[in-house]
C-alpha atoms as a PDB file:
ATOM      1  CA  MET A   1     -10.875   6.029  12.632  1.00  0.00           C
ATOM      2  CA  ALA A   2     -10.117   6.606   8.951  1.00  0.00           C
ATOM      3  CA  ARG A   3     -11.079   9.354   6.554  1.00  0.00           C
ATOM      4  CA  ILE A   4     -12.427   7.698   3.375  1.00  0.00           C
ATOM      5  CA  LEU A   5     -13.243   9.135  -0.043  1.00  0.00           C
ATOM      6  CA  LEU A   6     -16.078   7.073  -1.557  1.00  0.00           C
ATOM      7  CA  THR A   7     -16.688   7.431  -5.296  1.00  0.00           C
ATOM      8  CA  GLU A   8     -19.829   5.706  -6.582  1.00  0.00           C
ATOM      9  CA  ASP A   9     -22.316   6.848  -9.231  1.00  0.00           C
ATOM     10  CA  ASP A  10     -25.232   4.690  -8.016  1.00  0.00           C
ATOM     11  CA  GLU A  11     -26.949   6.635  -5.234  1.00  0.00           C
ATOM     12  CA  ALA A  12     -28.321   3.524  -3.475  1.00  0.00           C
ATOM     13  CA  VAL A  13     -24.916   1.803  -3.391  1.00  0.00           C
ATOM     14  CA  ARG A  14     -23.187   5.041  -2.349  1.00  0.00           C
ATOM     15  CA  SER A  15     -25.606   5.494   0.542  1.00  0.00           C
ATOM     16  CA  PHE A  16     -25.347   1.826   1.619  1.00  0.00           C
ATOM     17  CA  VAL A  17     -21.532   1.832   1.627  1.00  0.00           C
ATOM     18  CA  LYS A  18     -21.323   5.213   3.358  1.00  0.00           C
ATOM     19  CA  ARG A  19     -23.589   4.041   6.185  1.00  0.00           C
ATOM     20  CA  ALA A  20     -21.742   0.727   6.469  1.00  0.00           C
ATOM     21  CA  LEU A  21     -18.392   2.458   6.906  1.00  0.00           C
ATOM     22  CA  GLU A  22     -19.769   5.044   9.305  1.00  0.00           C
ATOM     23  CA  LEU A  23     -20.873   2.138  11.519  1.00  0.00           C
ATOM     24  CA  ASP A  24     -17.163   1.482  12.059  1.00  0.00           C
ATOM     25  CA  GLY A  25     -16.573   5.120  12.969  1.00  0.00           C
ATOM     26  CA  HIS A  26     -15.018   6.190   9.678  1.00  0.00           C
ATOM     27  CA  GLN A  27     -15.517   9.687   8.308  1.00  0.00           C
ATOM     28  CA  VAL A  28     -16.789   9.209   4.749  1.00  0.00           C
ATOM     29  CA  GLU A  29     -16.942  11.846   2.035  1.00  0.00           C
ATOM     30  CA  ALA A  30     -19.048  10.518  -0.849  1.00  0.00           C
ATOM     31  CA  VAL A  31     -18.993  11.800  -4.430  1.00  0.00           C
ATOM     32  CA  GLU A  32     -20.702  10.660  -7.651  1.00  0.00           C
ATOM     33  CA  ASP A  33     -17.853  10.283 -10.127  1.00  0.00           C
ATOM     34  CA  GLY A  34     -14.109  10.318 -10.657  1.00  0.00           C
ATOM     35  CA  GLY A  35     -14.056  13.949 -11.716  1.00  0.00           C
ATOM     36  CA  GLN A  36     -15.588  15.017  -8.411  1.00  0.00           C
ATOM     37  CA  ALA A  37     -13.178  12.717  -6.584  1.00  0.00           C
ATOM     38  CA  VAL A  38     -10.165  14.387  -8.241  1.00  0.00           C
ATOM     39  CA  GLU A  39     -11.545  17.819  -7.303  1.00  0.00           C
ATOM     40  CA  THR A  40     -12.007  16.627  -3.711  1.00  0.00           C
ATOM     41  CA  LEU A  41      -8.498  15.146  -3.547  1.00  0.00           C
ATOM     42  CA  VAL A  42      -6.946  18.359  -4.877  1.00  0.00           C
ATOM     43  CA  ARG A  43      -9.045  20.593  -2.604  1.00  0.00           C
ATOM     44  CA  THR A  44      -8.114  18.554   0.487  1.00  0.00           C
ATOM     45  CA  LYS A  45      -4.503  17.983  -0.626  1.00  0.00           C
ATOM     46  CA  GLY A  46      -5.083  14.230  -0.509  1.00  0.00           C
ATOM     47  CA  SER A  47      -5.965  14.133   3.165  1.00  0.00           C
ATOM     48  CA  PHE A  48      -7.711  10.737   3.008  1.00  0.00           C
ATOM     49  CA  ASP A  49      -6.704   7.396   4.468  1.00  0.00           C
ATOM     50  CA  LEU A  50      -8.428   5.408   1.693  1.00  0.00           C
ATOM     51  CA  LEU A  51      -9.973   5.867  -1.743  1.00  0.00           C
ATOM     52  CA  LEU A  52     -12.891   3.478  -2.289  1.00  0.00           C
ATOM     53  CA  SER A  53     -14.182   3.730  -5.850  1.00  0.00           C
ATOM     54  CA  ASP A  54     -16.504   2.031  -8.280  1.00  0.00           C
ATOM     55  CA  ILE A  55     -14.800   1.195 -11.573  1.00  0.00           C
ATOM     56  CA  LYS A  56     -17.582   1.904 -14.073  1.00  0.00           C
ATOM     57  CA  MET A  57     -18.697   5.546 -13.778  1.00  0.00           C
ATOM     58  CA  PRO A  58     -19.388   8.474 -16.085  1.00  0.00           C
ATOM     59  CA  VAL A  59     -16.968  11.416 -16.465  1.00  0.00           C
ATOM     60  CA  MET A  60     -13.891   9.560 -15.121  1.00  0.00           C
ATOM     61  CA  ASP A  61     -13.963   5.851 -14.356  1.00  0.00           C
ATOM     62  CA  GLY A  62     -12.382   4.220 -11.326  1.00  0.00           C
ATOM     63  CA  ILE A  63      -9.325   3.001 -13.211  1.00  0.00           C
ATOM     64  CA  ALA A  64      -8.454   6.503 -14.443  1.00  0.00           C
ATOM     65  CA  LEU A  65      -9.129   7.778 -10.918  1.00  0.00           C
ATOM     66  CA  ALA A  66      -6.851   5.102  -9.421  1.00  0.00           C
ATOM     67  CA  LEU A  67      -4.046   6.024 -11.838  1.00  0.00           C
ATOM     68  CA  HIS A  68      -4.460   9.731 -11.064  1.00  0.00           C
ATOM     69  CA  THR A  69      -4.549   9.107  -7.302  1.00  0.00           C
ATOM     70  CA  ALA A  70      -1.529   6.789  -7.326  1.00  0.00           C
ATOM     71  CA  ARG A  71       0.454   9.382  -9.284  1.00  0.00           C
ATOM     72  CA  ASP A  72      -0.507  12.494  -7.294  1.00  0.00           C
ATOM     73  CA  PHE A  73      -1.264  11.014  -3.852  1.00  0.00           C
ATOM     74  CA  PRO A  74       0.724   7.756  -3.622  1.00  0.00           C
ATOM     75  CA  GLN A  75       0.210   7.543   0.145  1.00  0.00           C
ATOM     76  CA  ILE A  76      -3.538   6.838  -0.276  1.00  0.00           C
ATOM     77  CA  PRO A  77      -4.463   3.139  -0.484  1.00  0.00           C
ATOM     78  CA  ILE A  78      -7.009   2.363  -3.221  1.00  0.00           C
ATOM     79  CA  LEU A  79      -9.865  -0.142  -3.095  1.00  0.00           C
ATOM     80  CA  LEU A  80     -12.041  -0.672  -6.182  1.00  0.00           C
ATOM     81  CA  MET A  81     -15.578  -2.056  -6.533  1.00  0.00           C
ATOM     82  CA  THR A  82     -17.308  -3.458  -9.611  1.00  0.00           C
ATOM     83  CA  GLY A  83     -20.306  -5.494 -10.646  1.00  0.00           C
ATOM     84  CA  PHE A  84     -18.891  -6.208 -14.098  1.00  0.00           C
ATOM     85  CA  ALA A  85     -16.434  -9.038 -14.808  1.00  0.00           C
ATOM     86  CA  ASP A  86     -14.917  -7.173 -17.765  1.00  0.00           C
ATOM     87  CA  GLN A  87     -14.188  -4.175 -15.533  1.00  0.00           C
ATOM     88  CA  ARG A  88     -12.508  -6.437 -13.003  1.00  0.00           C
ATOM     89  CA  GLU A  89     -10.294  -7.764 -15.806  1.00  0.00           C
ATOM     90  CA  ARG A  90      -9.384  -4.193 -16.848  1.00  0.00           C
ATOM     91  CA  ALA A  91      -8.219  -3.510 -13.298  1.00  0.00           C
ATOM     92  CA  ASN A  92      -5.981  -6.581 -13.058  1.00  0.00           C
ATOM     93  CA  GLY A  93      -3.029  -4.607 -14.417  1.00  0.00           C
ATOM     94  CA  LEU A  94      -3.236  -2.279 -11.427  1.00  0.00           C
ATOM     95  CA  ASP A  95      -2.109  -4.850  -8.873  1.00  0.00           C
ATOM     96  CA  SER A  96       0.748  -2.700  -7.651  1.00  0.00           C
ATOM     97  CA  LEU A  97      -1.559   0.314  -7.146  1.00  0.00           C
ATOM     98  CA  VAL A  98      -4.801  -1.228  -5.852  1.00  0.00           C
ATOM     99  CA  GLN A  99      -5.241  -3.035  -2.539  1.00  0.00           C
ATOM    100  CA  ASP A 100      -8.181  -5.144  -3.766  1.00  0.00           C
ATOM    101  CA  ILE A 101     -11.177  -5.269  -6.102  1.00  0.00           C
ATOM    102  CA  ILE A 102     -14.510  -6.011  -4.430  1.00  0.00           C
ATOM    103  CA  THR A 103     -17.158  -7.698  -6.576  1.00  0.00           C
ATOM    104  CA  LYS A 104     -20.735  -6.411  -6.361  1.00  0.00           C
ATOM    105  CA  PRO A 105     -23.114  -7.296  -4.974  1.00  0.00           C
ATOM    106  CA  PHE A 106     -21.434  -7.448  -1.589  1.00  0.00           C
ATOM    107  CA  SER A 107     -22.793  -7.582   1.928  1.00  0.00           C
ATOM    108  CA  LEU A 108     -22.368  -5.034   4.674  1.00  0.00           C
ATOM    109  CA  ALA A 109     -19.879  -7.380   6.352  1.00  0.00           C
ATOM    110  CA  ASP A 110     -17.936  -7.862   3.084  1.00  0.00           C
ATOM    111  CA  ILE A 111     -17.358  -4.156   2.449  1.00  0.00           C
ATOM    112  CA  ARG A 112     -16.508  -3.423   6.069  1.00  0.00           C
ATOM    113  CA  LYS A 113     -13.950  -6.274   6.081  1.00  0.00           C
ATOM    114  CA  ALA A 114     -12.395  -5.200   2.758  1.00  0.00           C
ATOM    115  CA  VAL A 115     -11.992  -1.634   4.022  1.00  0.00           C
ATOM    116  CA  ARG A 116     -10.510  -2.839   7.315  1.00  0.00           C
ATOM    117  CA  GLU A 117      -7.979  -4.955   5.412  1.00  0.00           C
ATOM    118  CA  ALA A 118      -7.125  -2.148   2.965  1.00  0.00           C
ATOM    119  CA  LEU A 119      -6.553   0.272   5.831  1.00  0.00           C
ATOM    120  CA  GLY A 120      -4.369  -2.294   7.553  1.00  0.00           C
ATOM    121  CA  GLY A 121      -2.271  -2.745   4.432  1.00  0.00           C
ATOM    122  CA  HIS A 122      -3.307  -6.389   4.108  1.00  0.00           C
ATOM    123  CA  MET A 123      -3.289  -7.663   0.530  1.00  0.00           C
ATOM    124  CA  PRO A 124      -5.799 -10.514   0.108  1.00  0.00           C
ATOM    125  CA  GLU A 125      -4.243 -13.749  -1.153  1.00  0.00           C
ATOM    126  CA  GLN A 126      -6.054 -13.694  -4.520  1.00  0.00           C
ATOM    127  CA  THR A 127      -4.619 -10.273  -5.446  1.00  0.00           C
ATOM    128  CA  ARG A 128      -0.997 -10.914  -4.532  1.00  0.00           C
ATOM    129  CA  ARG A 129       1.371 -11.187  -7.466  1.00  0.00           C
ATOM    130  CA  TYR A 130       4.884 -12.532  -7.289  1.00  0.00           C
ATOM    131  CA  ALA A 131       7.572 -11.843  -9.886  1.00  0.00           C
END
């Protein structure tokens, strides 16, 4: 299965998502913030199949992390999570970089499905943009 870098500052959410994805056989490395995620990406030379990150975090938020990842490791698909409508709006300009934005709270089934779709390269209908 896939190797996933999970970036989430809330310990309960991080633990829930990690366990959910491990149920599908994924190898999940979980970190607390974007700064740690960048360190992990550099240390592993970007050897992840997916970056799954919260948007609102201390040190480096998910949007800055997504921009950094897309620039330095463009092969890694990015999936963002947020519980804040204003954060979701901030991420709307990243349509070409981000597979999807999952709204919290989400169920176990929701996050597993979103990850499956992101790994499969499927762009959900509501995030597709046409020029």
